[in-house]
N, C-alpha and C. Protein backbone atom coordinates (compact mmCIF):
# COMPACT_ATOMS: atom_id res chain seq x y z
N MET A 1 86.45 98.14 90.73
CA MET A 1 87.42 98.76 91.61
C MET A 1 87.13 98.32 93.04
N GLN A 2 88.20 98.06 93.76
CA GLN A 2 88.10 97.66 95.15
C GLN A 2 88.93 98.61 96.00
N ILE A 3 88.37 99.06 97.10
CA ILE A 3 89.08 99.95 98.02
C ILE A 3 89.06 99.32 99.40
N ASP A 4 90.25 99.11 99.94
CA ASP A 4 90.40 98.53 101.28
C ASP A 4 91.09 99.54 102.18
N LEU A 5 90.71 99.52 103.44
CA LEU A 5 91.31 100.41 104.43
C LEU A 5 92.05 99.58 105.45
N ALA A 6 93.28 99.96 105.75
CA ALA A 6 94.08 99.26 106.76
C ALA A 6 94.93 100.29 107.49
N ASN A 7 94.55 100.57 108.73
CA ASN A 7 95.26 101.56 109.54
C ASN A 7 95.38 102.89 108.81
N GLU A 8 96.58 103.29 108.45
CA GLU A 8 96.80 104.58 107.80
C GLU A 8 96.81 104.49 106.28
N VAL A 9 96.44 103.32 105.73
CA VAL A 9 96.58 103.08 104.29
C VAL A 9 95.22 102.85 103.63
N VAL A 10 95.04 103.51 102.49
CA VAL A 10 93.90 103.26 101.61
C VAL A 10 94.47 102.52 100.40
N ARG A 11 93.99 101.29 100.16
CA ARG A 11 94.49 100.48 99.04
C ARG A 11 93.43 100.39 97.96
N VAL A 12 93.82 100.76 96.75
CA VAL A 12 92.90 100.73 95.60
C VAL A 12 93.40 99.68 94.63
N GLY A 13 92.52 98.80 94.20
CA GLY A 13 92.90 97.75 93.25
C GLY A 13 91.75 97.40 92.34
N GLY A 14 91.99 96.41 91.50
CA GLY A 14 90.95 95.95 90.60
C GLY A 14 90.66 96.88 89.44
N LEU A 15 91.62 97.73 89.12
CA LEU A 15 91.44 98.68 88.03
C LEU A 15 91.97 98.08 86.73
N GLU A 16 91.24 98.30 85.63
CA GLU A 16 91.71 97.87 84.31
C GLU A 16 92.20 99.05 83.49
N ALA A 17 91.70 100.24 83.82
CA ALA A 17 92.11 101.45 83.12
C ALA A 17 91.88 102.65 84.03
N LEU A 18 92.67 103.67 83.81
CA LEU A 18 92.46 104.97 84.44
C LEU A 18 92.33 105.96 83.29
N SER A 19 91.14 105.97 82.73
CA SER A 19 90.89 106.81 81.56
C SER A 19 89.40 107.11 81.48
N GLY A 20 89.10 108.18 80.76
CA GLY A 20 87.71 108.53 80.45
C GLY A 20 86.71 108.24 81.54
N GLY A 21 85.82 107.28 81.27
CA GLY A 21 84.70 106.97 82.15
C GLY A 21 85.07 106.41 83.50
N SER A 22 86.25 105.81 83.64
CA SER A 22 86.62 105.22 84.92
C SER A 22 87.17 106.25 85.91
N VAL A 23 87.58 107.39 85.42
CA VAL A 23 88.22 108.40 86.27
C VAL A 23 87.29 108.95 87.35
N PRO A 24 86.07 109.39 87.02
CA PRO A 24 85.21 109.92 88.10
C PRO A 24 84.93 108.89 89.20
N LEU A 25 84.72 107.64 88.83
CA LEU A 25 84.49 106.60 89.83
C LEU A 25 85.71 106.42 90.72
N PHE A 26 86.90 106.42 90.11
CA PHE A 26 88.14 106.30 90.87
C PHE A 26 88.29 107.46 91.86
N LYS A 27 88.19 108.68 91.36
CA LYS A 27 88.38 109.85 92.22
C LYS A 27 87.36 109.89 93.35
N GLU A 28 86.11 109.72 93.03
CA GLU A 28 85.07 109.79 94.05
C GLU A 28 85.17 108.63 95.04
N GLY A 29 85.55 107.45 94.54
CA GLY A 29 85.72 106.31 95.43
C GLY A 29 86.80 106.54 96.46
N VAL A 30 87.94 107.04 96.01
CA VAL A 30 89.04 107.32 96.94
C VAL A 30 88.67 108.45 97.88
N LYS A 31 88.12 109.53 97.35
CA LYS A 31 87.73 110.67 98.20
C LYS A 31 86.75 110.25 99.29
N SER A 32 85.81 109.39 98.95
CA SER A 32 84.79 108.98 99.91
C SER A 32 85.35 108.13 101.04
N LYS A 33 86.47 107.47 100.83
CA LYS A 33 87.08 106.60 101.84
C LYS A 33 88.19 107.28 102.63
N LEU A 34 88.70 108.38 102.12
CA LEU A 34 89.84 109.06 102.73
C LEU A 34 89.44 109.76 104.02
N LEU A 35 90.09 109.37 105.09
CA LEU A 35 89.84 109.95 106.40
C LEU A 35 91.08 110.70 106.87
N PRO A 36 90.94 111.60 107.85
CA PRO A 36 92.09 112.39 108.32
C PRO A 36 93.27 111.54 108.79
N GLU A 37 93.01 110.35 109.30
CA GLU A 37 94.11 109.52 109.81
C GLU A 37 94.88 108.76 108.71
N HIS A 38 94.39 108.79 107.49
CA HIS A 38 95.08 108.11 106.40
C HIS A 38 96.31 108.90 105.97
N ARG A 39 97.42 108.20 105.78
CA ARG A 39 98.68 108.82 105.39
C ARG A 39 99.21 108.31 104.05
N VAL A 40 98.66 107.20 103.57
CA VAL A 40 99.16 106.61 102.33
C VAL A 40 97.97 106.12 101.50
N VAL A 41 98.01 106.45 100.21
CA VAL A 41 97.09 105.85 99.24
C VAL A 41 97.94 105.00 98.32
N GLU A 42 97.64 103.70 98.28
CA GLU A 42 98.35 102.78 97.39
C GLU A 42 97.41 102.41 96.24
N VAL A 43 97.89 102.60 95.02
CA VAL A 43 97.10 102.29 93.84
C VAL A 43 97.78 101.14 93.10
N ASP A 44 97.14 99.96 93.13
CA ASP A 44 97.68 98.78 92.45
C ASP A 44 97.37 98.90 90.96
N LEU A 45 98.42 99.05 90.17
CA LEU A 45 98.29 99.25 88.72
C LEU A 45 98.64 97.99 87.93
N SER A 46 98.75 96.86 88.60
CA SER A 46 99.20 95.64 87.95
C SER A 46 98.27 95.16 86.83
N GLN A 47 97.00 95.53 86.89
CA GLN A 47 96.04 95.11 85.87
C GLN A 47 95.67 96.24 84.91
N VAL A 48 96.19 97.43 85.17
CA VAL A 48 95.84 98.61 84.36
C VAL A 48 96.58 98.57 83.04
N ARG A 49 95.81 98.66 81.96
CA ARG A 49 96.39 98.64 80.62
C ARG A 49 96.54 100.03 80.02
N LEU A 50 95.76 100.99 80.52
CA LEU A 50 95.76 102.32 79.93
C LEU A 50 95.60 103.38 81.00
N VAL A 51 96.47 104.39 80.95
CA VAL A 51 96.33 105.60 81.75
C VAL A 51 96.44 106.76 80.77
N ASP A 52 95.35 107.52 80.64
CA ASP A 52 95.38 108.68 79.74
C ASP A 52 95.54 109.96 80.56
N SER A 53 95.40 111.10 79.89
CA SER A 53 95.60 112.38 80.58
C SER A 53 94.61 112.57 81.73
N GLU A 54 93.39 112.10 81.57
CA GLU A 54 92.42 112.20 82.67
C GLU A 54 92.85 111.34 83.85
N GLY A 55 93.38 110.17 83.57
CA GLY A 55 93.88 109.29 84.62
C GLY A 55 95.06 109.90 85.35
N LEU A 56 95.98 110.50 84.59
CA LEU A 56 97.12 111.18 85.20
C LEU A 56 96.63 112.31 86.11
N GLY A 57 95.65 113.06 85.62
CA GLY A 57 95.08 114.15 86.41
C GLY A 57 94.42 113.65 87.68
N ALA A 58 93.76 112.51 87.59
CA ALA A 58 93.11 111.93 88.78
C ALA A 58 94.15 111.52 89.82
N LEU A 59 95.25 110.93 89.38
CA LEU A 59 96.31 110.56 90.32
C LEU A 59 96.89 111.79 91.00
N ILE A 60 97.07 112.85 90.24
CA ILE A 60 97.58 114.10 90.81
C ILE A 60 96.57 114.68 91.80
N ALA A 61 95.28 114.63 91.47
CA ALA A 61 94.25 115.15 92.39
C ALA A 61 94.25 114.37 93.71
N ILE A 62 94.38 113.05 93.63
CA ILE A 62 94.43 112.24 94.85
C ILE A 62 95.69 112.56 95.64
N ARG A 63 96.79 112.76 94.94
CA ARG A 63 98.05 113.14 95.60
C ARG A 63 97.88 114.44 96.37
N ARG A 64 97.23 115.42 95.77
CA ARG A 64 97.01 116.71 96.45
C ARG A 64 96.18 116.53 97.71
N LEU A 65 95.14 115.70 97.63
CA LEU A 65 94.29 115.47 98.80
C LEU A 65 95.08 114.86 99.95
N ILE A 66 95.82 113.79 99.66
CA ILE A 66 96.55 113.10 100.72
C ILE A 66 97.73 113.93 101.20
N ALA A 67 98.35 114.70 100.31
CA ALA A 67 99.47 115.56 100.71
C ALA A 67 99.00 116.62 101.70
N ALA A 68 97.77 117.09 101.55
CA ALA A 68 97.22 118.08 102.48
C ALA A 68 97.10 117.50 103.89
N GLN A 69 97.09 116.18 104.00
CA GLN A 69 97.04 115.49 105.29
C GLN A 69 98.42 115.01 105.73
N GLY A 70 99.44 115.40 104.98
CA GLY A 70 100.80 114.97 105.30
C GLY A 70 101.13 113.60 104.78
N GLY A 71 100.37 113.12 103.80
CA GLY A 71 100.58 111.77 103.29
C GLY A 71 101.14 111.73 101.89
N LYS A 72 101.14 110.51 101.31
CA LYS A 72 101.70 110.31 99.98
C LYS A 72 100.93 109.23 99.23
N VAL A 73 101.21 109.14 97.93
CA VAL A 73 100.61 108.11 97.06
C VAL A 73 101.72 107.19 96.59
N ARG A 74 101.45 105.89 96.66
CA ARG A 74 102.35 104.88 96.09
C ARG A 74 101.65 104.25 94.89
N LEU A 75 102.33 104.22 93.76
CA LEU A 75 101.81 103.58 92.56
C LEU A 75 102.49 102.22 92.46
N LEU A 76 101.70 101.15 92.55
CA LEU A 76 102.25 99.81 92.67
C LEU A 76 102.18 99.03 91.36
N TYR A 77 103.29 98.44 91.00
CA TYR A 77 103.41 97.44 89.93
C TYR A 77 102.83 97.85 88.58
N PRO A 78 103.19 99.03 88.07
CA PRO A 78 102.65 99.42 86.76
C PRO A 78 103.20 98.51 85.65
N ARG A 79 102.34 98.20 84.69
CA ARG A 79 102.77 97.45 83.52
C ARG A 79 103.75 98.31 82.73
N PRO A 80 104.57 97.70 81.88
CA PRO A 80 105.54 98.48 81.10
C PRO A 80 104.93 99.62 80.29
N SER A 81 103.77 99.39 79.69
CA SER A 81 103.14 100.46 78.89
C SER A 81 102.72 101.64 79.77
N VAL A 82 102.25 101.36 80.96
CA VAL A 82 101.86 102.41 81.90
C VAL A 82 103.11 103.10 82.44
N GLN A 83 104.15 102.33 82.72
CA GLN A 83 105.40 102.91 83.20
C GLN A 83 105.99 103.85 82.16
N GLN A 84 105.86 103.52 80.88
CA GLN A 84 106.35 104.41 79.83
C GLN A 84 105.65 105.77 79.89
N THR A 85 104.35 105.74 80.12
CA THR A 85 103.59 106.99 80.26
C THR A 85 104.11 107.77 81.46
N PHE A 86 104.31 107.08 82.59
CA PHE A 86 104.84 107.75 83.78
C PHE A 86 106.22 108.34 83.52
N ASP A 87 107.05 107.62 82.77
CA ASP A 87 108.39 108.12 82.44
C ASP A 87 108.30 109.40 81.61
N LEU A 88 107.37 109.44 80.66
CA LEU A 88 107.23 110.62 79.80
C LEU A 88 106.87 111.87 80.59
N VAL A 89 106.03 111.70 81.61
CA VAL A 89 105.59 112.85 82.39
C VAL A 89 106.37 113.00 83.71
N GLN A 90 107.41 112.19 83.86
CA GLN A 90 108.30 112.24 85.02
C GLN A 90 107.56 112.10 86.35
N PHE A 91 106.66 111.13 86.40
CA PHE A 91 105.89 110.90 87.62
C PHE A 91 106.76 110.48 88.80
N GLU A 92 107.93 109.93 88.54
CA GLU A 92 108.79 109.50 89.65
C GLU A 92 109.24 110.68 90.50
N ARG A 93 109.10 111.88 89.99
CA ARG A 93 109.46 113.08 90.75
C ARG A 93 108.45 113.38 91.86
N ILE A 94 107.19 112.98 91.66
CA ILE A 94 106.16 113.32 92.64
C ILE A 94 105.47 112.12 93.27
N PHE A 95 105.70 110.93 92.72
CA PHE A 95 105.08 109.72 93.25
C PHE A 95 106.14 108.69 93.60
N GLU A 96 105.85 107.88 94.58
CA GLU A 96 106.66 106.69 94.84
C GLU A 96 106.10 105.60 93.93
N ILE A 97 106.94 105.06 93.06
CA ILE A 97 106.53 104.00 92.14
C ILE A 97 107.23 102.73 92.55
N VAL A 98 106.45 101.70 92.88
CA VAL A 98 106.99 100.42 93.34
C VAL A 98 106.82 99.40 92.23
N HIS A 99 107.94 98.76 91.86
CA HIS A 99 107.91 97.76 90.77
C HIS A 99 107.90 96.37 91.32
């Protein structure tokens, strides 16, 4: 996982899955980099093959953190299988999803 900071944006990439063992590292990694001036967390999902219930929960937890600062989460380039999961749980209602 790679986390880059640019002005008001925290960019997360290099993920292969958001499930089980990868979730704590993802959550703690983002939390540790999040500063009060950040307004957007972008999660590049282009390489992610699997998002399970723990991964969905982690995305929601990060959304709550950034929303408390007046910010938002953008989910970038999800693969079709991941997008299907997002469609099932209606993530487009609470996240900006960029294709």
